[in-house]
Amino acid sequence: MKAVIQPLAWGIAMASILAVATGFALAVTSGTVQAVEHSHGQHAHGEQVSISAPDGRRWATDPSLREGMSRIQDAVQQAQAPLGAAEAAQLRDTSNDAIAYMVDNCELPAEADAALHLLLAELIEGANALSQAERREAGLEHIVTALQHYAETFDEPLWR
């Protein structure tokens, strides 16, 4: 029984810590972030969720950001739509692991970190939706949108 409960407890604890950390970071940086109005968690087509670096440039990345986003991108490319339960669970777990890795190892300056947290919020929303059969495709869409915003917002040399 301990072999089942302990990993489950750690997973729940990590998800809670990540949710609190992301919420705190968004609350702290809300003065510098241009907020996007959400309508029941849905975004209008073409709506920007990220903030740009000064002078229209992209934010620099750090190794953990490049690694984490590449893991998620690889997992999305391996997923086949429509997502089955096993595929959705694999994508959710890979995304959550990559998000935790990026948060734990982030070395970005404060303004770039604020932009990253907007992307993380989109990724987390997508990963959470993957747990619900009726929301799997919407979850995948959130993750794909976050990856697109990442490429628009951060200078990712490996994706060019």
N, C-alpha and C. Protein backbone atom coordinates (compact mmCIF):
# COMPACT_ATOMS: atom_id res chain seq x y z
N MET A 1 0.82 -1.19 0.00
CA MET A 1 0.00 0.00 0.00
C MET A 1 0.87 1.25 0.00
N LYS A 2 1.96 1.23 0.76
CA LYS A 2 2.86 2.36 0.82
C LYS A 2 3.45 2.66 -0.55
N ALA A 3 3.70 1.62 -1.35
CA ALA A 3 4.27 1.80 -2.68
C ALA A 3 3.32 2.54 -3.60
N VAL A 4 2.04 2.51 -3.32
CA VAL A 4 1.06 3.21 -4.15
C VAL A 4 0.80 4.61 -3.60
N ILE A 5 0.65 4.74 -2.32
CA ILE A 5 0.27 6.01 -1.71
C ILE A 5 1.41 7.03 -1.74
N GLN A 6 2.62 6.59 -1.45
CA GLN A 6 3.73 7.54 -1.38
C GLN A 6 3.99 8.24 -2.72
N PRO A 7 4.11 7.52 -3.85
CA PRO A 7 4.30 8.24 -5.12
C PRO A 7 3.11 9.14 -5.47
N LEU A 8 1.91 8.70 -5.15
CA LEU A 8 0.74 9.51 -5.40
C LEU A 8 0.79 10.80 -4.57
N ALA A 9 1.17 10.68 -3.32
CA ALA A 9 1.28 11.85 -2.45
C ALA A 9 2.34 12.82 -2.96
N TRP A 10 3.48 12.29 -3.41
CA TRP A 10 4.54 13.15 -3.96
C TRP A 10 4.05 13.85 -5.22
N GLY A 11 3.33 13.15 -6.07
CA GLY A 11 2.81 13.75 -7.29
C GLY A 11 1.83 14.88 -6.99
N ILE A 12 0.94 14.64 -6.03
CA ILE A 12 -0.02 15.67 -5.65
C ILE A 12 0.71 16.86 -5.02
N ALA A 13 1.69 16.59 -4.20
CA ALA A 13 2.45 17.66 -3.57
C ALA A 13 3.18 18.51 -4.61
N MET A 14 3.81 17.85 -5.59
CA MET A 14 4.53 18.58 -6.64
C MET A 14 3.56 19.42 -7.47
N ALA A 15 2.41 18.87 -7.82
CA ALA A 15 1.43 19.62 -8.60
C ALA A 15 0.93 20.83 -7.82
N SER A 16 0.71 20.66 -6.53
CA SER A 16 0.25 21.77 -5.69
C SER A 16 1.31 22.85 -5.58
N ILE A 17 2.56 22.45 -5.39
CA ILE A 17 3.67 23.41 -5.28
C ILE A 17 3.80 24.19 -6.59
N LEU A 18 3.74 23.49 -7.71
CA LEU A 18 3.85 24.13 -9.00
C LEU A 18 2.70 25.11 -9.23
N ALA A 19 1.50 24.73 -8.87
CA ALA A 19 0.35 25.62 -9.04
C ALA A 19 0.49 26.87 -8.17
N VAL A 20 0.91 26.71 -6.93
CA VAL A 20 1.09 27.84 -6.03
C VAL A 20 2.22 28.74 -6.53
N ALA A 21 3.34 28.15 -6.95
CA ALA A 21 4.48 28.94 -7.44
C ALA A 21 4.10 29.74 -8.68
N THR A 22 3.39 29.12 -9.58
CA THR A 22 2.97 29.82 -10.79
C THR A 22 2.00 30.94 -10.46
N GLY A 23 1.04 30.66 -9.59
CA GLY A 23 0.08 31.69 -9.19
C GLY A 23 0.77 32.85 -8.48
N PHE A 24 1.72 32.55 -7.62
CA PHE A 24 2.46 33.60 -6.92
C PHE A 24 3.26 34.44 -7.90
N ALA A 25 3.96 33.78 -8.83
CA ALA A 25 4.76 34.51 -9.81
C ALA A 25 3.89 35.41 -10.67
N LEU A 26 2.73 34.92 -11.07
CA LEU A 26 1.82 35.74 -11.86
C LEU A 26 1.29 36.91 -11.05
N ALA A 27 1.00 36.68 -9.78
CA ALA A 27 0.50 37.76 -8.92
C ALA A 27 1.56 38.83 -8.70
N VAL A 28 2.80 38.41 -8.49
CA VAL A 28 3.90 39.35 -8.24
C VAL A 28 4.19 40.18 -9.48
N THR A 29 4.12 39.56 -10.65
CA THR A 29 4.49 40.25 -11.88
C THR A 29 3.30 40.87 -12.60
N SER A 30 2.12 40.85 -12.02
CA SER A 30 0.93 41.33 -12.72
C SER A 30 1.05 42.80 -13.10
N GLY A 31 1.84 43.58 -12.39
CA GLY A 31 2.02 44.98 -12.74
C GLY A 31 2.81 45.17 -14.02
N THR A 32 3.65 44.22 -14.37
CA THR A 32 4.46 44.36 -15.58
C THR A 32 3.95 43.53 -16.74
N VAL A 33 2.99 42.69 -16.49
CA VAL A 33 2.46 41.81 -17.52
C VAL A 33 1.17 42.41 -18.06
N GLN A 34 1.04 42.43 -19.38
CA GLN A 34 -0.22 42.87 -19.97
C GLN A 34 -1.19 41.71 -19.88
N ALA A 35 -2.20 41.88 -19.05
CA ALA A 35 -3.14 40.77 -18.79
C ALA A 35 -4.02 40.53 -20.00
N VAL A 36 -4.32 39.29 -20.21
CA VAL A 36 -5.22 38.88 -21.28
C VAL A 36 -6.53 38.47 -20.63
N GLU A 37 -7.65 38.99 -21.13
CA GLU A 37 -8.93 38.62 -20.55
C GLU A 37 -9.27 37.21 -20.98
N HIS A 38 -9.68 36.41 -20.02
CA HIS A 38 -10.06 35.03 -20.28
C HIS A 38 -11.57 34.90 -20.15
N SER A 39 -12.14 34.16 -21.04
CA SER A 39 -13.56 33.86 -20.99
C SER A 39 -13.71 32.37 -20.74
N HIS A 40 -13.87 31.99 -19.49
CA HIS A 40 -13.99 30.59 -19.10
C HIS A 40 -12.80 29.78 -19.55
N GLY A 41 -11.60 30.39 -19.50
CA GLY A 41 -10.39 29.65 -19.83
C GLY A 41 -10.15 29.50 -21.32
N GLN A 42 -10.96 30.09 -22.18
CA GLN A 42 -10.78 29.96 -23.62
C GLN A 42 -10.17 31.25 -24.17
N HIS A 43 -9.30 31.11 -25.17
CA HIS A 43 -8.68 32.26 -25.81
C HIS A 43 -9.29 32.46 -27.19
N ALA A 44 -9.43 33.70 -27.57
CA ALA A 44 -9.89 33.99 -28.93
C ALA A 44 -8.75 33.67 -29.89
N HIS A 45 -9.10 33.32 -31.11
CA HIS A 45 -8.08 33.00 -32.10
C HIS A 45 -7.21 34.22 -32.35
N GLY A 46 -5.89 34.03 -32.39
CA GLY A 46 -4.95 35.10 -32.66
C GLY A 46 -4.59 35.94 -31.45
N GLU A 47 -5.17 35.64 -30.31
CA GLU A 47 -4.91 36.42 -29.10
C GLU A 47 -3.52 36.11 -28.58
N GLN A 48 -2.77 37.14 -28.22
CA GLN A 48 -1.42 36.97 -27.69
C GLN A 48 -1.47 36.73 -26.18
N VAL A 49 -0.72 35.76 -25.71
CA VAL A 49 -0.70 35.44 -24.30
C VAL A 49 0.66 35.78 -23.71
N SER A 50 1.60 36.17 -24.54
CA SER A 50 2.95 36.39 -24.06
C SER A 50 3.31 37.87 -24.11
N ILE A 51 4.38 38.22 -23.40
CA ILE A 51 4.89 39.58 -23.47
C ILE A 51 6.23 39.54 -24.18
N SER A 52 6.49 40.58 -24.91
CA SER A 52 7.71 40.63 -25.72
C SER A 52 8.82 41.36 -24.98
N ALA A 53 10.03 41.07 -25.38
CA ALA A 53 11.18 41.78 -24.87
C ALA A 53 11.17 43.19 -25.45
N PRO A 54 11.91 44.10 -24.85
CA PRO A 54 11.98 45.47 -25.38
C PRO A 54 12.43 45.49 -26.84
N ASP A 55 11.96 46.49 -27.56
CA ASP A 55 12.34 46.71 -28.96
C ASP A 55 11.92 45.57 -29.87
N GLY A 56 10.90 44.81 -29.50
CA GLY A 56 10.40 43.74 -30.34
C GLY A 56 11.32 42.54 -30.47
N ARG A 57 12.36 42.50 -29.70
CA ARG A 57 13.26 41.34 -29.73
C ARG A 57 12.66 40.22 -28.90
N ARG A 58 13.30 39.06 -28.95
CA ARG A 58 12.87 37.92 -28.15
C ARG A 58 13.75 37.83 -26.91
N TRP A 59 13.15 37.25 -25.85
CA TRP A 59 13.90 37.04 -24.61
C TRP A 59 14.94 35.94 -24.83
N ALA A 60 16.06 36.06 -24.17
CA ALA A 60 17.07 35.01 -24.20
C ALA A 60 16.55 33.81 -23.40
N THR A 61 17.04 32.64 -23.71
CA THR A 61 16.65 31.42 -23.01
C THR A 61 17.78 30.97 -22.11
N ASP A 62 17.48 30.01 -21.26
CA ASP A 62 18.52 29.34 -20.49
C ASP A 62 18.45 27.85 -20.82
N PRO A 63 19.46 27.08 -20.43
CA PRO A 63 19.47 25.65 -20.80
C PRO A 63 18.24 24.88 -20.33
N SER A 64 17.76 25.17 -19.12
CA SER A 64 16.60 24.41 -18.62
C SER A 64 15.33 24.75 -19.39
N LEU A 65 15.19 25.98 -19.81
CA LEU A 65 14.02 26.36 -20.60
C LEU A 65 14.05 25.66 -21.96
N ARG A 66 15.20 25.68 -22.62
CA ARG A 66 15.31 25.01 -23.91
C ARG A 66 15.06 23.51 -23.78
N GLU A 67 15.60 22.89 -22.75
CA GLU A 67 15.43 21.45 -22.53
C GLU A 67 13.96 21.12 -22.25
N GLY A 68 13.34 21.85 -21.34
CA GLY A 68 11.95 21.57 -20.97
C GLY A 68 10.99 21.76 -22.13
N MET A 69 11.13 22.85 -22.86
CA MET A 69 10.23 23.10 -23.98
C MET A 69 10.47 22.09 -25.10
N SER A 70 11.70 21.67 -25.30
CA SER A 70 11.99 20.65 -26.31
C SER A 70 11.36 19.31 -25.94
N ARG A 71 11.37 18.98 -24.66
CA ARG A 71 10.71 17.74 -24.21
C ARG A 71 9.23 17.76 -24.53
N ILE A 72 8.60 18.90 -24.27
CA ILE A 72 7.17 19.03 -24.52
C ILE A 72 6.90 18.99 -26.03
N GLN A 73 7.70 19.70 -26.80
CA GLN A 73 7.52 19.70 -28.25
C GLN A 73 7.66 18.28 -28.82
N ASP A 74 8.66 17.55 -28.35
CA ASP A 74 8.85 16.16 -28.81
C ASP A 74 7.64 15.30 -28.46
N ALA A 75 7.11 15.47 -27.26
CA ALA A 75 5.94 14.69 -26.83
C ALA A 75 4.72 15.02 -27.67
N VAL A 76 4.54 16.30 -28.01
CA VAL A 76 3.41 16.70 -28.85
C VAL A 76 3.55 16.10 -30.24
N GLN A 77 4.75 16.11 -30.77
CA GLN A 77 4.98 15.55 -32.10
C GLN A 77 4.73 14.05 -32.14
N GLN A 78 4.93 13.36 -31.05
CA GLN A 78 4.70 11.92 -30.98
C GLN A 78 3.22 11.59 -30.76
N ALA A 79 2.46 12.53 -30.24
CA ALA A 79 1.04 12.30 -29.96
C ALA A 79 0.26 12.29 -31.28
N GLN A 80 -0.71 11.42 -31.35
CA GLN A 80 -1.57 11.29 -32.53
C GLN A 80 -2.98 11.71 -32.16
N ALA A 81 -3.52 12.66 -32.90
CA ALA A 81 -4.90 13.09 -32.65
C ALA A 81 -5.84 12.16 -33.42
N PRO A 82 -6.98 11.81 -32.89
CA PRO A 82 -7.46 12.17 -31.55
C PRO A 82 -6.73 11.38 -30.47
N LEU A 83 -6.50 12.03 -29.36
CA LEU A 83 -5.75 11.43 -28.27
C LEU A 83 -6.57 10.38 -27.53
N GLY A 84 -6.00 9.22 -27.34
CA GLY A 84 -6.59 8.20 -26.49
C GLY A 84 -6.18 8.47 -25.05
N ALA A 85 -6.72 7.70 -24.12
CA ALA A 85 -6.43 7.90 -22.70
C ALA A 85 -4.94 7.71 -22.40
N ALA A 86 -4.33 6.68 -22.95
CA ALA A 86 -2.92 6.42 -22.67
C ALA A 86 -2.02 7.51 -23.26
N GLU A 87 -2.32 7.94 -24.48
CA GLU A 87 -1.54 9.00 -25.12
C GLU A 87 -1.68 10.31 -24.36
N ALA A 88 -2.90 10.63 -23.96
CA ALA A 88 -3.14 11.86 -23.21
C ALA A 88 -2.39 11.83 -21.87
N ALA A 89 -2.42 10.68 -21.20
CA ALA A 89 -1.71 10.56 -19.92
C ALA A 89 -0.21 10.72 -20.11
N GLN A 90 0.33 10.14 -21.18
CA GLN A 90 1.77 10.26 -21.45
C GLN A 90 2.14 11.71 -21.73
N LEU A 91 1.35 12.40 -22.54
CA LEU A 91 1.62 13.81 -22.84
C LEU A 91 1.49 14.67 -21.59
N ARG A 92 0.47 14.39 -20.78
CA ARG A 92 0.27 15.12 -19.52
C ARG A 92 1.48 14.94 -18.60
N ASP A 93 1.91 13.69 -18.42
CA ASP A 93 3.03 13.41 -17.52
C ASP A 93 4.32 14.03 -18.03
N THR A 94 4.57 13.92 -19.32
CA THR A 94 5.78 14.52 -19.90
C THR A 94 5.75 16.03 -19.73
N SER A 95 4.59 16.64 -19.98
CA SER A 95 4.46 18.10 -19.85
C SER A 95 4.67 18.53 -18.40
N ASN A 96 4.03 17.83 -17.46
CA ASN A 96 4.19 18.18 -16.04
C ASN A 96 5.63 18.02 -15.57
N ASP A 97 6.29 16.95 -16.00
CA ASP A 97 7.70 16.74 -15.64
C ASP A 97 8.57 17.85 -16.21
N ALA A 98 8.33 18.22 -17.46
CA ALA A 98 9.13 19.28 -18.10
C ALA A 98 8.88 20.63 -17.43
N ILE A 99 7.64 20.91 -17.07
CA ILE A 99 7.31 22.16 -16.38
C ILE A 99 8.03 22.22 -15.04
N ALA A 100 7.98 21.13 -14.29
CA ALA A 100 8.67 21.09 -12.99
C ALA A 100 10.17 21.27 -13.18
N TYR A 101 10.73 20.66 -14.20
CA TYR A 101 12.17 20.80 -14.49
C TYR A 101 12.52 22.27 -14.78
N MET A 102 11.69 22.93 -15.61
CA MET A 102 11.97 24.33 -15.94
C MET A 102 11.87 25.23 -14.71
N VAL A 103 10.87 25.00 -13.89
CA VAL A 103 10.69 25.82 -12.68
C VAL A 103 11.85 25.60 -11.71
N ASP A 104 12.24 24.35 -11.51
CA ASP A 104 13.32 24.03 -10.58
C ASP A 104 14.67 24.57 -11.01
N ASN A 105 14.90 24.69 -12.32
CA ASN A 105 16.22 25.04 -12.83
C ASN A 105 16.28 26.38 -13.54
N CYS A 106 15.26 27.20 -13.41
CA CYS A 106 15.18 28.48 -14.12
C CYS A 106 16.28 29.44 -13.69
N GLU A 107 16.93 30.04 -14.68
CA GLU A 107 17.97 31.04 -14.43
C GLU A 107 17.70 32.31 -15.22
N LEU A 108 16.44 32.55 -15.57
CA LEU A 108 16.08 33.71 -16.38
C LEU A 108 16.02 34.98 -15.54
N PRO A 109 16.29 36.12 -16.16
CA PRO A 109 16.06 37.40 -15.47
C PRO A 109 14.57 37.57 -15.19
N ALA A 110 14.23 38.45 -14.28
CA ALA A 110 12.85 38.60 -13.80
C ALA A 110 11.85 38.86 -14.91
N GLU A 111 12.14 39.74 -15.85
CA GLU A 111 11.17 40.07 -16.89
C GLU A 111 10.94 38.88 -17.83
N ALA A 112 12.01 38.19 -18.20
CA ALA A 112 11.87 37.00 -19.04
C ALA A 112 11.14 35.90 -18.28
N ASP A 113 11.38 35.80 -16.98
CA ASP A 113 10.70 34.82 -16.14
C ASP A 113 9.19 35.10 -16.11
N ALA A 114 8.82 36.38 -16.08
CA ALA A 114 7.40 36.74 -16.10
C ALA A 114 6.75 36.27 -17.41
N ALA A 115 7.44 36.45 -18.52
CA ALA A 115 6.92 35.97 -19.81
C ALA A 115 6.80 34.46 -19.81
N LEU A 116 7.79 33.79 -19.22
CA LEU A 116 7.76 32.34 -19.15
C LEU A 116 6.56 31.86 -18.33
N HIS A 117 6.24 32.54 -17.25
CA HIS A 117 5.14 32.10 -16.40
C HIS A 117 3.79 32.17 -17.12
N LEU A 118 3.64 33.08 -18.05
CA LEU A 118 2.42 33.09 -18.86
C LEU A 118 2.36 31.83 -19.71
N LEU A 119 3.49 31.43 -20.27
CA LEU A 119 3.53 30.20 -21.05
C LEU A 119 3.29 28.98 -20.17
N LEU A 120 3.87 28.98 -18.98
CA LEU A 120 3.67 27.86 -18.06
C LEU A 120 2.21 27.72 -17.67
N ALA A 121 1.54 28.84 -17.48
CA ALA A 121 0.11 28.79 -17.13
C ALA A 121 -0.68 28.12 -18.25
N GLU A 122 -0.35 28.45 -19.50
CA GLU A 122 -1.03 27.84 -20.65
C GLU A 122 -0.71 26.34 -20.72
N LEU A 123 0.55 25.99 -20.48
CA LEU A 123 0.94 24.58 -20.49
C LEU A 123 0.24 23.80 -19.39
N ILE A 124 0.16 24.38 -18.20
CA ILE A 124 -0.49 23.71 -17.07
C ILE A 124 -1.98 23.52 -17.37
N GLU A 125 -2.61 24.54 -17.92
CA GLU A 125 -4.03 24.42 -18.28
C GLU A 125 -4.23 23.29 -19.28
N GLY A 126 -3.35 23.21 -20.26
CA GLY A 126 -3.44 22.14 -21.25
C GLY A 126 -3.21 20.78 -20.64
N ALA A 127 -2.19 20.66 -19.80
CA ALA A 127 -1.88 19.38 -19.16
C ALA A 127 -3.03 18.92 -18.28
N ASN A 128 -3.64 19.85 -17.55
CA ASN A 128 -4.77 19.49 -16.70
C ASN A 128 -5.97 19.01 -17.53
N ALA A 129 -6.20 19.64 -18.67
CA ALA A 129 -7.32 19.26 -19.53
C ALA A 129 -7.13 17.86 -20.11
N LEU A 130 -5.89 17.43 -20.27
CA LEU A 130 -5.63 16.10 -20.82
C LEU A 130 -6.16 14.98 -19.93
N SER A 131 -6.41 15.28 -18.67
CA SER A 131 -6.93 14.28 -17.73
C SER A 131 -8.41 14.01 -17.91
N GLN A 132 -9.08 14.84 -18.68
CA GLN A 132 -10.53 14.71 -18.85
C GLN A 132 -10.82 14.35 -20.31
N ALA A 133 -11.47 13.23 -20.53
CA ALA A 133 -11.71 12.71 -21.88
C ALA A 133 -12.35 13.76 -22.80
N GLU A 134 -13.31 14.50 -22.29
CA GLU A 134 -14.01 15.47 -23.12
C GLU A 134 -13.19 16.73 -23.40
N ARG A 135 -12.06 16.89 -22.72
CA ARG A 135 -11.24 18.10 -22.89
C ARG A 135 -9.86 17.80 -23.46
N ARG A 136 -9.59 16.56 -23.83
CA ARG A 136 -8.25 16.17 -24.31
C ARG A 136 -7.78 17.01 -25.50
N GLU A 137 -8.64 17.15 -26.49
CA GLU A 137 -8.24 17.89 -27.68
C GLU A 137 -7.99 19.37 -27.36
N ALA A 138 -8.81 19.94 -26.48
CA ALA A 138 -8.60 21.32 -26.04
C ALA A 138 -7.28 21.44 -25.28
N GLY A 139 -6.96 20.43 -24.48
CA GLY A 139 -5.69 20.43 -23.75
C GLY A 139 -4.51 20.41 -24.71
N LEU A 140 -4.60 19.56 -25.72
CA LEU A 140 -3.54 19.51 -26.73
C LEU A 140 -3.41 20.85 -27.43
N GLU A 141 -4.53 21.50 -27.73
CA GLU A 141 -4.51 22.80 -28.37
C GLU A 141 -3.83 23.85 -27.50
N HIS A 142 -4.10 23.82 -26.19
CA HIS A 142 -3.44 24.76 -25.27
C HIS A 142 -1.92 24.56 -25.30
N ILE A 143 -1.50 23.32 -25.30
CA ILE A 143 -0.06 23.04 -25.29
C ILE A 143 0.58 23.48 -26.59
N VAL A 144 -0.06 23.20 -27.71
CA VAL A 144 0.47 23.63 -29.01
C VAL A 144 0.54 25.16 -29.08
N THR A 145 -0.48 25.83 -28.58
CA THR A 145 -0.50 27.30 -28.57
C THR A 145 0.65 27.83 -27.72
N ALA A 146 0.89 27.23 -26.56
CA ALA A 146 1.99 27.66 -25.70
C ALA A 146 3.34 27.47 -26.40
N LEU A 147 3.50 26.37 -27.12
CA LEU A 147 4.74 26.15 -27.87
C LEU A 147 4.91 27.20 -28.96
N GLN A 148 3.84 27.59 -29.62
CA GLN A 148 3.91 28.64 -30.63
C GLN A 148 4.29 29.97 -30.00
N HIS A 149 3.68 30.29 -28.87
CA HIS A 149 4.01 31.53 -28.17
C HIS A 149 5.46 31.52 -27.68
N TYR A 150 5.93 30.37 -27.27
CA TYR A 150 7.33 30.25 -26.85
C TYR A 150 8.27 30.63 -28.00
N ALA A 151 8.01 30.10 -29.18
CA ALA A 151 8.87 30.40 -30.34
C ALA A 151 8.78 31.88 -30.74
N GLU A 152 7.64 32.51 -30.48
CA GLU A 152 7.47 33.93 -30.79
C GLU A 152 8.10 34.84 -29.74
N THR A 153 8.17 34.38 -28.50
CA THR A 153 8.56 35.22 -27.38
C THR A 153 10.02 35.04 -26.98
N PHE A 154 10.54 33.83 -27.13
CA PHE A 154 11.91 33.52 -26.71
C PHE A 154 12.79 33.21 -27.91
N ASP A 155 14.04 33.61 -27.80
CA ASP A 155 15.01 33.36 -28.86
C ASP A 155 15.51 31.94 -28.73
N GLU A 156 14.83 31.04 -29.41
CA GLU A 156 15.13 29.61 -29.34
C GLU A 156 15.89 29.20 -30.60
N PRO A 157 17.22 29.16 -30.52
CA PRO A 157 18.01 28.87 -31.72
C PRO A 157 17.80 27.47 -32.27
N LEU A 158 17.44 26.51 -31.44
CA LEU A 158 17.26 25.14 -31.91
C LEU A 158 15.97 24.96 -32.69
N TRP A 159 15.02 25.88 -32.60
CA TRP A 159 13.74 25.76 -33.27
C TRP A 159 13.69 26.56 -34.55
N ARG A 160 14.77 27.19 -34.93
CA ARG A 160 14.80 28.03 -36.14
C ARG A 160 15.33 27.24 -37.31
